[in-house]
Amino acid sequence: MQVEVKNMKGEVVDRIELPSYIFESPTNEALMHQALVRQLANARVGTHKAKTRGEVRGGGAKPWRQKGTGRARHGSRRSPIWVGGGVAHGPRPGSHRKKMPRQMRRAALRSALSAKVAKGQVVVVDALDIEEPKTKVMMEALNALSGGEGKTLVLLSGNNHAVEKSVRNLRAARTLNARYLNIRDLLKYDTLVVPLRALDVIKSYLGQEL
């Protein structure tokens, strides 16, 4: 598949051939969903916890005597049916981690990238280089590349302080190292801006044909 290569002004300067086994993979929605669920589950800390009746404070003495009061019998103020008592069957600390083979995770990335290319949501740029952080310059460049609609994810091949700091102030844009490309960000952002050097990084770990 051939795509246009643009400069920071949005002008077409070249055309390149994208690897078909990365950007023309069959769209597998079930696999992408599985990868997304895994990523969201693994991001959970798992420290949620409610106190049981054995952990809340108080309740050492019986509230009132067993018989003769006309009220229901109770043995502790820590009972779940009392205000301030423990929680029955509440959340407990635990791991939500899910496993997924690496080849399946990479296949999900290929599927998501292919879907974005098919929709015209991948913009290849020759380079994103600015001398110093300038939010206005970066905003104009991203508007020229993406049309100024929706959210934009900018991939970088490595540390680029000027670009990272410029994009940081833009509400609808974010930078990401191409080595950390993930299914959640691919599905969350509308447009993917990929410099040629970042494209080489993607090819380095997704380029091995299955």
N, C-alpha and C. Protein backbone atom coordinates (compact mmCIF):
# COMPACT_ATOMS: atom_id res chain seq x y z
N MET A 1 0.84 -1.19 0.00
CA MET A 1 0.00 0.00 0.00
C MET A 1 0.88 1.25 0.00
N GLN A 2 0.60 2.16 -0.92
CA GLN A 2 1.36 3.40 -1.00
C GLN A 2 0.60 4.52 -0.29
N VAL A 3 1.35 5.33 0.46
CA VAL A 3 0.76 6.47 1.14
C VAL A 3 1.62 7.69 0.89
N GLU A 4 1.01 8.84 1.07
CA GLU A 4 1.73 10.09 0.88
C GLU A 4 2.58 10.41 2.10
N VAL A 5 3.72 11.04 1.85
CA VAL A 5 4.58 11.55 2.91
C VAL A 5 4.49 13.07 2.88
N LYS A 6 4.11 13.65 4.01
CA LYS A 6 3.92 15.09 4.07
C LYS A 6 5.00 15.74 4.92
N ASN A 7 5.15 17.06 4.74
CA ASN A 7 6.02 17.82 5.65
C ASN A 7 5.17 18.47 6.72
N MET A 8 5.78 19.27 7.57
CA MET A 8 5.06 19.87 8.69
C MET A 8 4.02 20.90 8.24
N LYS A 9 4.10 21.32 6.98
CA LYS A 9 3.12 22.26 6.45
C LYS A 9 1.93 21.55 5.82
N GLY A 10 1.97 20.22 5.80
CA GLY A 10 0.89 19.46 5.21
C GLY A 10 1.04 19.25 3.72
N GLU A 11 2.20 19.61 3.16
CA GLU A 11 2.45 19.46 1.72
C GLU A 11 3.01 18.07 1.44
N VAL A 12 2.54 17.47 0.35
CA VAL A 12 3.02 16.14 -0.05
C VAL A 12 4.41 16.27 -0.67
N VAL A 13 5.37 15.56 -0.09
CA VAL A 13 6.75 15.64 -0.57
C VAL A 13 7.24 14.33 -1.15
N ASP A 14 6.53 13.23 -0.89
CA ASP A 14 7.00 11.93 -1.37
C ASP A 14 5.88 10.91 -1.21
N ARG A 15 6.12 9.70 -1.68
CA ARG A 15 5.23 8.57 -1.47
C ARG A 15 6.07 7.37 -1.08
N ILE A 16 5.56 6.58 -0.14
CA ILE A 16 6.29 5.38 0.28
C ILE A 16 5.34 4.19 0.28
N GLU A 17 5.95 3.02 0.29
CA GLU A 17 5.20 1.77 0.32
C GLU A 17 5.19 1.24 1.75
N LEU A 18 4.00 1.06 2.32
CA LEU A 18 3.88 0.50 3.66
C LEU A 18 3.86 -1.02 3.61
N PRO A 19 4.50 -1.68 4.54
CA PRO A 19 4.51 -3.16 4.55
C PRO A 19 3.09 -3.70 4.64
N SER A 20 2.74 -4.59 3.74
CA SER A 20 1.38 -5.11 3.70
C SER A 20 1.07 -5.99 4.91
N TYR A 21 2.07 -6.69 5.44
CA TYR A 21 1.81 -7.59 6.57
C TYR A 21 1.63 -6.83 7.88
N ILE A 22 1.84 -5.51 7.87
CA ILE A 22 1.55 -4.69 9.05
C ILE A 22 0.30 -3.86 8.82
N PHE A 23 0.23 -3.20 7.67
CA PHE A 23 -0.83 -2.21 7.43
C PHE A 23 -1.95 -2.72 6.52
N GLU A 24 -1.92 -3.99 6.17
CA GLU A 24 -3.01 -4.56 5.40
C GLU A 24 -3.46 -5.88 6.00
N SER A 25 -3.35 -5.98 7.32
CA SER A 25 -3.78 -7.18 8.02
C SER A 25 -5.31 -7.22 8.11
N PRO A 26 -5.89 -8.42 8.19
CA PRO A 26 -7.35 -8.51 8.36
C PRO A 26 -7.77 -7.87 9.68
N THR A 27 -8.89 -7.17 9.65
CA THR A 27 -9.40 -6.53 10.87
C THR A 27 -10.07 -7.58 11.75
N ASN A 28 -9.49 -7.79 12.90
CA ASN A 28 -10.00 -8.78 13.85
C ASN A 28 -10.49 -8.05 15.10
N GLU A 29 -11.77 -7.71 15.13
CA GLU A 29 -12.32 -6.93 16.23
C GLU A 29 -12.27 -7.69 17.55
N ALA A 30 -12.49 -9.00 17.50
CA ALA A 30 -12.45 -9.80 18.72
C ALA A 30 -11.06 -9.78 19.34
N LEU A 31 -10.04 -9.87 18.51
CA LEU A 31 -8.67 -9.86 19.01
C LEU A 31 -8.31 -8.48 19.57
N MET A 32 -8.73 -7.41 18.91
CA MET A 32 -8.47 -6.07 19.42
C MET A 32 -9.19 -5.84 20.75
N HIS A 33 -10.41 -6.36 20.85
CA HIS A 33 -11.15 -6.22 22.11
C HIS A 33 -10.45 -6.98 23.23
N GLN A 34 -9.97 -8.17 22.94
CA GLN A 34 -9.26 -8.94 23.96
C GLN A 34 -8.00 -8.23 24.42
N ALA A 35 -7.27 -7.63 23.47
CA ALA A 35 -6.05 -6.90 23.83
C ALA A 35 -6.38 -5.66 24.66
N LEU A 36 -7.48 -4.99 24.32
CA LEU A 36 -7.88 -3.79 25.07
C LEU A 36 -8.29 -4.15 26.50
N VAL A 37 -9.09 -5.21 26.64
CA VAL A 37 -9.52 -5.65 27.96
C VAL A 37 -8.31 -6.03 28.81
N ARG A 38 -7.34 -6.71 28.21
CA ARG A 38 -6.13 -7.09 28.94
C ARG A 38 -5.38 -5.86 29.42
N GLN A 39 -5.20 -4.87 28.54
CA GLN A 39 -4.45 -3.67 28.92
C GLN A 39 -5.15 -2.90 30.03
N LEU A 40 -6.47 -2.75 29.94
CA LEU A 40 -7.21 -2.03 30.97
C LEU A 40 -7.19 -2.79 32.30
N ALA A 41 -7.27 -4.11 32.23
CA ALA A 41 -7.24 -4.91 33.45
C ALA A 41 -5.88 -4.82 34.13
N ASN A 42 -4.81 -4.87 33.33
CA ASN A 42 -3.47 -4.82 33.90
C ASN A 42 -3.13 -3.44 34.45
N ALA A 43 -3.89 -2.42 34.04
CA ALA A 43 -3.65 -1.08 34.57
C ALA A 43 -4.31 -0.88 35.93
N ARG A 44 -5.16 -1.80 36.35
CA ARG A 44 -5.83 -1.68 37.64
C ARG A 44 -4.84 -2.00 38.76
N VAL A 45 -4.87 -1.20 39.81
CA VAL A 45 -3.94 -1.38 40.92
C VAL A 45 -4.36 -2.56 41.80
N GLY A 46 -5.65 -2.75 41.98
CA GLY A 46 -6.14 -3.87 42.76
C GLY A 46 -6.05 -3.67 44.26
N THR A 47 -6.05 -2.41 44.73
CA THR A 47 -5.95 -2.14 46.16
C THR A 47 -7.31 -1.81 46.79
N HIS A 48 -8.38 -1.96 46.04
CA HIS A 48 -9.70 -1.65 46.57
C HIS A 48 -10.06 -2.64 47.70
N LYS A 49 -10.63 -2.12 48.77
CA LYS A 49 -10.90 -2.97 49.92
C LYS A 49 -11.96 -2.34 50.81
N ALA A 50 -12.88 -3.15 51.30
CA ALA A 50 -13.87 -2.72 52.28
C ALA A 50 -13.66 -3.53 53.56
N LYS A 51 -13.90 -2.92 54.69
CA LYS A 51 -13.69 -3.61 55.96
C LYS A 51 -14.87 -4.54 56.28
N THR A 52 -14.53 -5.71 56.77
CA THR A 52 -15.55 -6.65 57.20
C THR A 52 -15.96 -6.34 58.65
N ARG A 53 -16.89 -7.10 59.19
CA ARG A 53 -17.35 -6.86 60.56
C ARG A 53 -16.25 -7.14 61.58
N GLY A 54 -15.25 -7.91 61.18
CA GLY A 54 -14.15 -8.18 62.08
C GLY A 54 -13.06 -7.13 62.04
N GLU A 55 -13.19 -6.13 61.15
CA GLU A 55 -12.15 -5.12 61.00
C GLU A 55 -12.59 -3.71 61.39
N VAL A 56 -13.91 -3.48 61.45
CA VAL A 56 -14.38 -2.14 61.82
C VAL A 56 -14.23 -1.94 63.33
N ARG A 57 -14.23 -0.68 63.72
CA ARG A 57 -14.03 -0.34 65.13
C ARG A 57 -15.34 -0.46 65.92
N GLY A 58 -15.21 -0.83 67.21
CA GLY A 58 -16.37 -0.87 68.11
C GLY A 58 -17.04 -2.22 68.13
N GLY A 59 -18.20 -2.24 68.80
CA GLY A 59 -19.00 -3.46 68.83
C GLY A 59 -18.54 -4.49 69.85
N GLY A 60 -17.82 -4.07 70.86
CA GLY A 60 -17.34 -5.04 71.83
C GLY A 60 -18.44 -5.57 72.73
N ALA A 61 -19.39 -4.72 73.06
CA ALA A 61 -20.47 -5.14 73.97
C ALA A 61 -21.75 -5.40 73.20
N LYS A 62 -22.56 -6.27 73.74
CA LYS A 62 -23.87 -6.54 73.13
C LYS A 62 -24.73 -5.28 73.25
N PRO A 63 -25.37 -4.82 72.16
CA PRO A 63 -26.11 -3.54 72.20
C PRO A 63 -27.17 -3.49 73.30
N TRP A 64 -27.93 -4.55 73.47
CA TRP A 64 -28.91 -4.65 74.56
C TRP A 64 -29.13 -6.12 74.86
N ARG A 65 -29.82 -6.35 75.96
CA ARG A 65 -30.00 -7.74 76.37
C ARG A 65 -30.84 -8.51 75.36
N GLN A 66 -30.69 -9.83 75.42
CA GLN A 66 -31.29 -10.69 74.40
C GLN A 66 -32.81 -10.62 74.41
N LYS A 67 -33.39 -10.62 75.59
CA LYS A 67 -34.85 -10.73 75.68
C LYS A 67 -35.46 -9.60 76.51
N GLY A 68 -36.70 -9.37 76.30
CA GLY A 68 -37.44 -8.48 77.16
C GLY A 68 -37.49 -7.02 76.73
N THR A 69 -36.84 -6.66 75.63
CA THR A 69 -36.85 -5.25 75.23
C THR A 69 -37.88 -4.96 74.15
N GLY A 70 -38.36 -6.00 73.49
CA GLY A 70 -39.31 -5.80 72.39
C GLY A 70 -38.62 -5.50 71.07
N ARG A 71 -37.32 -5.40 71.12
CA ARG A 71 -36.58 -5.13 69.88
C ARG A 71 -35.92 -6.40 69.36
N ALA A 72 -35.49 -6.34 68.13
CA ALA A 72 -34.82 -7.51 67.54
C ALA A 72 -33.52 -7.76 68.28
N ARG A 73 -33.12 -9.01 68.33
CA ARG A 73 -31.90 -9.36 69.03
C ARG A 73 -30.68 -9.01 68.18
N HIS A 74 -29.66 -8.48 68.82
CA HIS A 74 -28.41 -8.13 68.15
C HIS A 74 -27.25 -8.47 69.07
N GLY A 75 -26.16 -8.87 68.46
CA GLY A 75 -25.00 -9.23 69.26
C GLY A 75 -23.83 -8.28 69.08
N SER A 76 -23.83 -7.47 68.00
CA SER A 76 -22.69 -6.58 67.77
C SER A 76 -23.11 -5.40 66.91
N ARG A 77 -22.53 -4.26 67.18
CA ARG A 77 -22.78 -3.07 66.36
C ARG A 77 -21.98 -3.13 65.06
N ARG A 78 -21.10 -4.10 64.97
CA ARG A 78 -20.29 -4.23 63.75
C ARG A 78 -21.00 -5.06 62.67
N SER A 79 -22.20 -5.47 62.92
CA SER A 79 -22.95 -6.26 61.94
C SER A 79 -23.17 -5.46 60.66
N PRO A 80 -23.15 -6.09 59.50
CA PRO A 80 -23.36 -5.37 58.23
C PRO A 80 -24.69 -4.64 58.12
N ILE A 81 -25.68 -5.02 58.92
CA ILE A 81 -26.98 -4.35 58.82
C ILE A 81 -27.03 -3.09 59.67
N TRP A 82 -25.96 -2.80 60.41
CA TRP A 82 -25.91 -1.58 61.21
C TRP A 82 -25.15 -0.50 60.47
N VAL A 83 -25.57 0.77 60.69
CA VAL A 83 -24.82 1.90 60.14
C VAL A 83 -23.46 1.95 60.84
N GLY A 84 -22.41 2.01 60.05
CA GLY A 84 -21.06 2.01 60.60
C GLY A 84 -20.51 0.62 60.80
N GLY A 85 -21.30 -0.39 60.46
CA GLY A 85 -20.83 -1.77 60.59
C GLY A 85 -19.97 -2.19 59.41
N GLY A 86 -19.59 -3.45 59.42
CA GLY A 86 -18.76 -3.97 58.33
C GLY A 86 -19.55 -4.14 57.05
N VAL A 87 -18.85 -4.45 55.98
CA VAL A 87 -19.46 -4.67 54.67
C VAL A 87 -19.42 -6.15 54.36
N ALA A 88 -20.56 -6.70 54.03
CA ALA A 88 -20.63 -8.11 53.68
C ALA A 88 -20.31 -8.30 52.20
N HIS A 89 -19.41 -9.20 51.92
CA HIS A 89 -19.03 -9.54 50.54
C HIS A 89 -18.52 -8.32 49.76
N GLY A 90 -17.79 -7.45 50.43
CA GLY A 90 -17.25 -6.26 49.78
C GLY A 90 -16.00 -6.57 48.98
N PRO A 91 -15.47 -5.58 48.29
CA PRO A 91 -14.26 -5.79 47.47
C PRO A 91 -13.05 -6.09 48.34
N ARG A 92 -12.17 -6.94 47.85
CA ARG A 92 -10.96 -7.30 48.55
C ARG A 92 -9.76 -7.07 47.63
N PRO A 93 -8.58 -6.82 48.20
CA PRO A 93 -7.40 -6.62 47.35
C PRO A 93 -7.10 -7.87 46.52
N GLY A 94 -6.66 -7.64 45.31
CA GLY A 94 -6.34 -8.76 44.43
C GLY A 94 -5.84 -8.28 43.09
N SER A 95 -5.24 -9.17 42.37
CA SER A 95 -4.69 -8.84 41.05
C SER A 95 -5.73 -9.10 39.98
N HIS A 96 -5.83 -8.17 39.04
CA HIS A 96 -6.74 -8.31 37.90
C HIS A 96 -5.98 -8.66 36.62
N ARG A 97 -4.73 -9.05 36.78
CA ARG A 97 -3.84 -9.23 35.63
C ARG A 97 -4.33 -10.33 34.71
N LYS A 98 -4.28 -10.03 33.41
CA LYS A 98 -4.65 -11.00 32.38
C LYS A 98 -3.43 -11.24 31.48
N LYS A 99 -3.30 -12.45 31.03
CA LYS A 99 -2.18 -12.81 30.17
C LYS A 99 -2.66 -12.92 28.72
N MET A 100 -1.75 -12.59 27.81
CA MET A 100 -2.04 -12.69 26.38
C MET A 100 -0.72 -12.89 25.66
N PRO A 101 -0.61 -13.90 24.83
CA PRO A 101 0.67 -14.14 24.13
C PRO A 101 1.12 -12.93 23.32
N ARG A 102 2.43 -12.75 23.24
CA ARG A 102 2.98 -11.59 22.55
C ARG A 102 2.58 -11.55 21.08
N GLN A 103 2.53 -12.70 20.44
CA GLN A 103 2.15 -12.72 19.02
C GLN A 103 0.71 -12.26 18.84
N MET A 104 -0.15 -12.58 19.79
CA MET A 104 -1.54 -12.12 19.70
C MET A 104 -1.62 -10.62 19.93
N ARG A 105 -0.82 -10.10 20.88
CA ARG A 105 -0.82 -8.66 21.13
C ARG A 105 -0.34 -7.90 19.90
N ARG A 106 0.70 -8.41 19.26
CA ARG A 106 1.21 -7.74 18.06
C ARG A 106 0.24 -7.86 16.90
N ALA A 107 -0.45 -8.99 16.83
CA ALA A 107 -1.45 -9.15 15.77
C ALA A 107 -2.60 -8.15 15.98
N ALA A 108 -2.93 -7.87 17.23
CA ALA A 108 -3.97 -6.88 17.52
C ALA A 108 -3.52 -5.49 17.09
N LEU A 109 -2.23 -5.17 17.31
CA LEU A 109 -1.70 -3.88 16.86
C LEU A 109 -1.74 -3.78 15.34
N ARG A 110 -1.36 -4.84 14.66
CA ARG A 110 -1.41 -4.83 13.19
C ARG A 110 -2.83 -4.61 12.70
N SER A 111 -3.78 -5.28 13.36
CA SER A 111 -5.18 -5.14 12.97
C SER A 111 -5.66 -3.71 13.17
N ALA A 112 -5.30 -3.09 14.30
CA ALA A 112 -5.72 -1.71 14.57
C ALA A 112 -5.06 -0.73 13.60
N LEU A 113 -3.77 -0.93 13.32
CA LEU A 113 -3.07 -0.07 12.36
C LEU A 113 -3.68 -0.19 10.97
N SER A 114 -4.01 -1.40 10.58
CA SER A 114 -4.61 -1.61 9.26
C SER A 114 -5.97 -0.93 9.16
N ALA A 115 -6.74 -1.00 10.23
CA ALA A 115 -8.05 -0.35 10.23
C ALA A 115 -7.91 1.16 10.10
N LYS A 116 -6.90 1.72 10.77
CA LYS A 116 -6.69 3.17 10.71
C LYS A 116 -6.22 3.60 9.32
N VAL A 117 -5.33 2.84 8.73
CA VAL A 117 -4.87 3.17 7.38
C VAL A 117 -6.02 3.11 6.40
N ALA A 118 -6.86 2.10 6.53
CA ALA A 118 -8.00 1.96 5.62
C ALA A 118 -8.96 3.14 5.72
N LYS A 119 -9.05 3.74 6.91
CA LYS A 119 -9.93 4.90 7.11
C LYS A 119 -9.22 6.22 6.82
N GLY A 120 -7.95 6.16 6.44
CA GLY A 120 -7.21 7.39 6.16
C GLY A 120 -6.83 8.16 7.40
N GLN A 121 -6.67 7.46 8.52
CA GLN A 121 -6.37 8.11 9.80
C GLN A 121 -4.90 8.02 10.18
N VAL A 122 -4.07 7.55 9.28
CA VAL A 122 -2.62 7.50 9.52
C VAL A 122 -1.95 8.50 8.58
N VAL A 123 -1.22 9.45 9.16
CA VAL A 123 -0.52 10.48 8.39
C VAL A 123 0.98 10.28 8.57
N VAL A 124 1.67 10.03 7.48
CA VAL A 124 3.12 9.86 7.52
C VAL A 124 3.77 11.19 7.20
N VAL A 125 4.68 11.62 8.08
CA VAL A 125 5.37 12.90 7.91
C VAL A 125 6.86 12.64 7.82
N ASP A 126 7.54 13.43 7.00
CA ASP A 126 8.99 13.18 6.80
C ASP A 126 9.77 13.39 8.09
N ALA A 127 9.43 14.41 8.86
CA ALA A 127 10.12 14.66 10.13
C ALA A 127 9.32 15.67 10.94
N LEU A 128 9.42 15.53 12.26
CA LEU A 128 8.83 16.51 13.18
C LEU A 128 9.98 17.08 14.00
N ASP A 129 10.54 18.16 13.51
CA ASP A 129 11.70 18.75 14.17
C ASP A 129 11.48 20.25 14.33
N ILE A 130 11.60 20.71 15.56
CA ILE A 130 11.58 22.14 15.85
C ILE A 130 12.75 22.45 16.77
N GLU A 131 13.28 23.66 16.66
CA GLU A 131 14.48 24.01 17.40
C GLU A 131 14.22 24.16 18.89
N GLU A 132 13.06 24.71 19.26
CA GLU A 132 12.73 24.91 20.66
C GLU A 132 11.24 24.70 20.86
N PRO A 133 10.81 24.42 22.09
CA PRO A 133 9.39 24.19 22.33
C PRO A 133 8.53 25.38 21.95
N LYS A 134 7.59 25.17 21.04
CA LYS A 134 6.66 26.21 20.61
C LYS A 134 5.29 25.55 20.38
N THR A 135 4.39 25.78 21.31
CA THR A 135 3.07 25.15 21.20
C THR A 135 2.33 25.61 19.95
N LYS A 136 2.45 26.89 19.63
CA LYS A 136 1.75 27.42 18.46
C LYS A 136 2.25 26.77 17.17
N VAL A 137 3.55 26.61 17.05
CA VAL A 137 4.13 25.99 15.85
C VAL A 137 3.64 24.55 15.71
N MET A 138 3.64 23.81 16.83
CA MET A 138 3.21 22.42 16.78
C MET A 138 1.72 22.32 16.51
N MET A 139 0.92 23.22 17.05
CA MET A 139 -0.51 23.20 16.81
C MET A 139 -0.81 23.43 15.33
N GLU A 140 -0.10 24.39 14.72
CA GLU A 140 -0.29 24.65 13.29
C GLU A 140 0.12 23.44 12.46
N ALA A 141 1.20 22.77 12.86
CA ALA A 141 1.67 21.60 12.12
C ALA A 141 0.67 20.45 12.21
N LEU A 142 0.15 20.19 13.41
CA LEU A 142 -0.80 19.09 13.57
C LEU A 142 -2.12 19.40 12.88
N ASN A 143 -2.54 20.66 12.89
CA ASN A 143 -3.76 21.03 12.17
C ASN A 143 -3.59 20.82 10.67
N ALA A 144 -2.39 21.13 10.16
CA ALA A 144 -2.13 20.94 8.73
C ALA A 144 -2.08 19.46 8.37
N LEU A 145 -1.61 18.63 9.30
CA LEU A 145 -1.47 17.20 9.02
C LEU A 145 -2.77 16.44 9.22
N SER A 146 -3.49 16.77 10.29
CA SER A 146 -4.69 16.00 10.63
C SER A 146 -5.99 16.69 10.26
N GLY A 147 -5.92 17.92 9.81
CA GLY A 147 -7.12 18.66 9.48
C GLY A 147 -7.76 19.34 10.67
N GLY A 148 -7.13 19.23 11.85
CA GLY A 148 -7.64 19.89 13.04
C GLY A 148 -8.88 19.29 13.62
N GLU A 149 -9.20 18.05 13.25
CA GLU A 149 -10.40 17.40 13.76
C GLU A 149 -10.02 16.20 14.63
N GLY A 150 -10.71 16.07 15.75
CA GLY A 150 -10.50 14.92 16.62
C GLY A 150 -9.19 14.99 17.40
N LYS A 151 -8.86 13.88 18.02
CA LYS A 151 -7.64 13.77 18.82
C LYS A 151 -6.51 13.19 17.99
N THR A 152 -5.29 13.66 18.27
CA THR A 152 -4.14 13.26 17.48
C THR A 152 -3.08 12.63 18.37
N LEU A 153 -2.57 11.47 17.94
CA LEU A 153 -1.48 10.80 18.63
C LEU A 153 -0.22 10.92 17.77
N VAL A 154 0.83 11.51 18.35
CA VAL A 154 2.08 11.73 17.63
C VAL A 154 3.10 10.70 18.10
N LEU A 155 3.57 9.88 17.20
CA LEU A 155 4.58 8.88 17.54
C LEU A 155 5.97 9.46 17.35
N LEU A 156 6.86 9.12 18.27
CA LEU A 156 8.25 9.58 18.21
C LEU A 156 9.18 8.38 18.25
N SER A 157 10.31 8.49 17.58
CA SER A 157 11.26 7.39 17.55
C SER A 157 12.12 7.35 18.81
N GLY A 158 12.17 8.45 19.54
CA GLY A 158 12.98 8.55 20.75
C GLY A 158 12.65 9.83 21.48
N ASN A 159 13.52 10.23 22.39
CA ASN A 159 13.29 11.46 23.14
C ASN A 159 13.42 12.68 22.23
N ASN A 160 12.41 13.51 22.25
CA ASN A 160 12.42 14.76 21.49
C ASN A 160 11.80 15.83 22.39
N HIS A 161 12.64 16.45 23.19
CA HIS A 161 12.16 17.37 24.23
C HIS A 161 11.33 18.49 23.65
N ALA A 162 11.75 19.06 22.53
CA ALA A 162 11.03 20.21 21.97
C ALA A 162 9.62 19.82 21.53
N VAL A 163 9.49 18.69 20.83
CA VAL A 163 8.18 18.25 20.35
C VAL A 163 7.30 17.82 21.52
N GLU A 164 7.87 17.07 22.45
CA GLU A 164 7.10 16.58 23.59
C GLU A 164 6.53 17.74 24.42
N LYS A 165 7.37 18.74 24.66
CA LYS A 165 6.93 19.87 25.47
C LYS A 165 5.92 20.73 24.72
N SER A 166 6.05 20.81 23.41
CA SER A 166 5.11 21.61 22.61
C SER A 166 3.74 20.95 22.57
N VAL A 167 3.71 19.62 22.43
CA VAL A 167 2.43 18.91 22.34
C VAL A 167 1.76 18.80 23.71
N ARG A 168 2.55 18.89 24.77
CA ARG A 168 2.01 18.70 26.11
C ARG A 168 0.91 19.71 26.44
N ASN A 169 0.98 20.90 25.87
CA ASN A 169 -0.01 21.94 26.16
C ASN A 169 -1.26 21.83 25.29
N LEU A 170 -1.28 20.91 24.36
CA LEU A 170 -2.44 20.74 23.47
C LEU A 170 -3.39 19.71 24.06
N ARG A 171 -4.62 20.11 24.25
CA ARG A 171 -5.58 19.23 24.91
C ARG A 171 -5.92 18.01 24.07
N ALA A 172 -5.96 18.17 22.76
CA ALA A 172 -6.41 17.10 21.88
C ALA A 172 -5.26 16.35 21.22
N ALA A 173 -4.06 16.42 21.80
CA ALA A 173 -2.92 15.73 21.21
C ALA A 173 -2.03 15.16 22.30
N ARG A 174 -1.26 14.16 21.93
CA ARG A 174 -0.35 13.51 22.87
C ARG A 174 0.78 12.87 22.09
N THR A 175 1.97 12.84 22.70
CA THR A 175 3.10 12.15 22.09
C THR A 175 3.28 10.79 22.75
N LEU A 176 3.86 9.87 21.99
CA LEU A 176 4.11 8.52 22.50
C LEU A 176 5.31 7.93 21.77
N ASN A 177 6.20 7.32 22.52
CA ASN A 177 7.33 6.62 21.92
C ASN A 177 6.78 5.45 21.10
N ALA A 178 7.26 5.32 19.88
CA ALA A 178 6.73 4.28 18.98
C ALA A 178 6.94 2.87 19.53
N ARG A 179 7.93 2.69 20.42
CA ARG A 179 8.15 1.37 21.01
C ARG A 179 7.06 1.00 21.99
N TYR A 180 6.32 2.00 22.48
CA TYR A 180 5.27 1.75 23.45
C TYR A 180 3.88 1.86 22.82
N LEU A 181 3.80 1.69 21.53
CA LEU A 181 2.51 1.74 20.85
C LEU A 181 1.60 0.66 21.43
N ASN A 182 0.37 1.04 21.75
CA ASN A 182 -0.55 0.10 22.40
C ASN A 182 -1.95 0.24 21.83
N ILE A 183 -2.74 -0.79 22.08
CA ILE A 183 -4.06 -0.87 21.48
C ILE A 183 -5.00 0.21 22.02
N ARG A 184 -4.86 0.58 23.29
CA ARG A 184 -5.76 1.58 23.87
C ARG A 184 -5.60 2.93 23.19
N ASP A 185 -4.35 3.37 23.01
CA ASP A 185 -4.13 4.67 22.37
C ASP A 185 -4.49 4.64 20.89
N LEU A 186 -4.29 3.50 20.24
CA LEU A 186 -4.67 3.40 18.82
C LEU A 186 -6.17 3.57 18.64
N LEU A 187 -6.94 3.01 19.58
CA LEU A 187 -8.39 3.11 19.47
C LEU A 187 -8.93 4.43 20.01
N LYS A 188 -8.18 5.06 20.91
CA LYS A 188 -8.65 6.28 21.56
C LYS A 188 -8.49 7.50 20.67
N TYR A 189 -7.39 7.58 19.92
CA TYR A 189 -7.09 8.78 19.13
C TYR A 189 -7.57 8.60 17.69
N ASP A 190 -8.04 9.72 17.13
CA ASP A 190 -8.61 9.67 15.78
C ASP A 190 -7.54 9.63 14.70
N THR A 191 -6.48 10.40 14.87
CA THR A 191 -5.44 10.50 13.84
C THR A 191 -4.10 10.08 14.42
N LEU A 192 -3.36 9.32 13.65
CA LEU A 192 -2.03 8.86 14.05
C LEU A 192 -1.00 9.53 13.14
N VAL A 193 -0.15 10.38 13.73
CA VAL A 193 0.91 11.06 12.98
C VAL A 193 2.21 10.28 13.19
N VAL A 194 2.78 9.79 12.09
CA VAL A 194 3.94 8.90 12.17
C VAL A 194 5.10 9.48 11.36
N PRO A 195 6.12 10.01 12.00
CA PRO A 195 7.33 10.39 11.27
C PRO A 195 8.02 9.15 10.71
N LEU A 196 8.85 9.34 9.69
CA LEU A 196 9.51 8.20 9.05
C LEU A 196 10.37 7.41 10.02
N ARG A 197 11.05 8.11 10.94
CA ARG A 197 11.90 7.41 11.90
C ARG A 197 11.07 6.57 12.87
N ALA A 198 9.89 7.08 13.24
CA ALA A 198 9.00 6.30 14.10
C ALA A 198 8.43 5.10 13.34
N LEU A 199 8.22 5.26 12.03
CA LEU A 199 7.74 4.15 11.21
C LEU A 199 8.77 3.03 11.18
N ASP A 200 10.05 3.38 11.14
CA ASP A 200 11.11 2.36 11.18
C ASP A 200 11.09 1.59 12.49
N VAL A 201 10.78 2.28 13.59
CA VAL A 201 10.70 1.61 14.89
C VAL A 201 9.55 0.61 14.89
N ILE A 202 8.41 1.01 14.33
CA ILE A 202 7.26 0.10 14.27
C ILE A 202 7.60 -1.13 13.44
N LYS A 203 8.28 -0.92 12.33
CA LYS A 203 8.67 -2.05 11.48
C LYS A 203 9.62 -3.00 12.20
N SER A 204 10.43 -2.45 13.12
CA SER A 204 11.44 -3.28 13.77
C SER A 204 10.85 -4.36 14.65
N TYR A 205 9.66 -4.11 15.24
CA TYR A 205 9.09 -5.15 16.09
C TYR A 205 7.75 -5.70 15.59
N LEU A 206 7.14 -5.04 14.63
CA LEU A 206 5.92 -5.57 14.03
C LEU A 206 6.16 -6.09 12.63
N GLY A 207 7.38 -5.93 12.14
CA GLY A 207 7.67 -6.25 10.76
C GLY A 207 7.94 -7.69 10.48
N GLN A 208 8.05 -8.52 11.52
CA GLN A 208 8.31 -9.93 11.29
C GLN A 208 7.04 -10.61 10.85
N GLU A 209 7.02 -11.09 9.64
CA GLU A 209 5.81 -11.68 9.09
C GLU A 209 5.52 -13.01 9.77
N LEU A 210 4.25 -13.19 10.12
CA LEU A 210 3.86 -14.44 10.80
C LEU A 210 3.76 -15.59 9.82
